[in-house]
């Protein structure tokens, strides 16, 4: 275990419950954000596709892509 992790654990043991709860919530937020930026980039394509669907689903677009 790193010295930083050990220091964090020691501080958490001394902190009041409401502080521990906030630290936990923040840690979960950071972990989710990290996973989202490293592993969730494929999900951004899904969001982009859904937001562009209105533009893509038109007779003009169908005609432009019919030869491909």
Protein backbone atom coordinates (compact mmCIF):
# COMPACT_ATOMS: atom_id res chain seq x y z
CA UNK A 1 0.00 0.00 0.00
CA UNK A 2 1.32 3.43 -0.88
CA UNK A 3 2.15 5.99 1.79
CA UNK A 4 -0.62 8.21 0.46
CA UNK A 5 -3.19 5.44 0.86
CA UNK A 6 -1.96 4.72 4.37
CA UNK A 7 -2.19 8.42 5.29
CA UNK A 8 -5.68 8.60 3.84
CA UNK A 9 -6.81 5.59 5.87
CA UNK A 10 -5.39 7.12 9.05
CA UNK A 11 -7.20 10.40 8.40
CA UNK A 12 -10.45 8.60 7.62
CA UNK A 13 -10.22 6.71 10.92
CA UNK A 14 -9.98 10.04 12.76
CA UNK A 15 -12.71 11.83 10.79
CA UNK A 16 -16.35 12.17 11.84
CA UNK A 17 -18.89 10.00 10.02
CA UNK A 18 -20.28 12.80 7.87
CA UNK A 19 -16.78 13.56 6.55
CA UNK A 20 -16.12 9.88 5.85
CA UNK A 21 -19.38 9.75 3.90
CA UNK A 22 -18.37 12.74 1.78
CA UNK A 23 -14.90 11.31 1.15
CA UNK A 24 -16.46 8.04 0.05
CA UNK A 25 -18.89 9.80 -2.29
CA UNK A 26 -16.05 11.82 -3.79
CA UNK A 27 -13.90 8.72 -4.26
CA UNK A 28 -16.73 6.94 -6.08
CA UNK A 29 -17.24 10.01 -8.28
CA UNK A 30 -13.54 10.13 -9.20
CA UNK A 31 -13.47 6.41 -9.98
CA UNK A 32 -16.56 6.66 -12.20
CA UNK A 33 -15.16 9.70 -13.97
CA UNK A 34 -11.89 7.87 -14.55
CA UNK A 35 -13.68 4.81 -15.95
CA UNK A 36 -15.86 7.01 -18.11
CA UNK A 37 -12.91 8.75 -19.73
CA UNK A 38 -10.84 5.60 -20.24
CA UNK A 39 -13.44 2.92 -20.86
CA UNK A 40 -16.56 4.89 -21.68
CA UNK A 41 -15.46 6.61 -24.86
CA UNK A 42 -17.38 4.08 -26.94
CA UNK A 43 -20.54 5.29 -25.17
CA UNK A 44 -19.95 8.76 -26.56
CA UNK A 45 -20.47 7.41 -30.06
CA UNK A 46 -23.88 6.11 -29.04
CA UNK A 47 -24.79 9.54 -27.66
CA UNK A 48 -23.56 11.26 -30.81
CA UNK A 49 -25.50 8.90 -33.03
CA UNK A 50 -28.71 9.53 -31.14
CA UNK A 51 -28.25 13.29 -31.26
CA UNK A 52 -27.44 13.25 -34.99
CA UNK A 53 -30.19 10.78 -35.87
CA UNK A 54 -32.60 13.56 -36.83
CA UNK A 55 -30.13 14.90 -39.41
CA UNK A 56 -29.19 11.43 -40.64
CA UNK A 57 -32.77 10.22 -41.03
CA UNK A 58 -33.77 12.37 -43.96
CA UNK A 59 -34.48 11.71 -47.64
CA UNK A 60 -31.53 13.94 -48.55
CA UNK A 61 -29.12 11.86 -46.47
CA UNK A 62 -30.53 8.59 -47.84
CA UNK A 63 -30.01 9.87 -51.39
CA UNK A 64 -26.46 11.03 -50.64
CA UNK A 65 -25.46 7.61 -49.32
CA UNK A 66 -27.43 5.32 -51.63
CA UNK A 67 -24.38 4.43 -53.78
CA UNK A 68 -22.25 3.28 -50.86
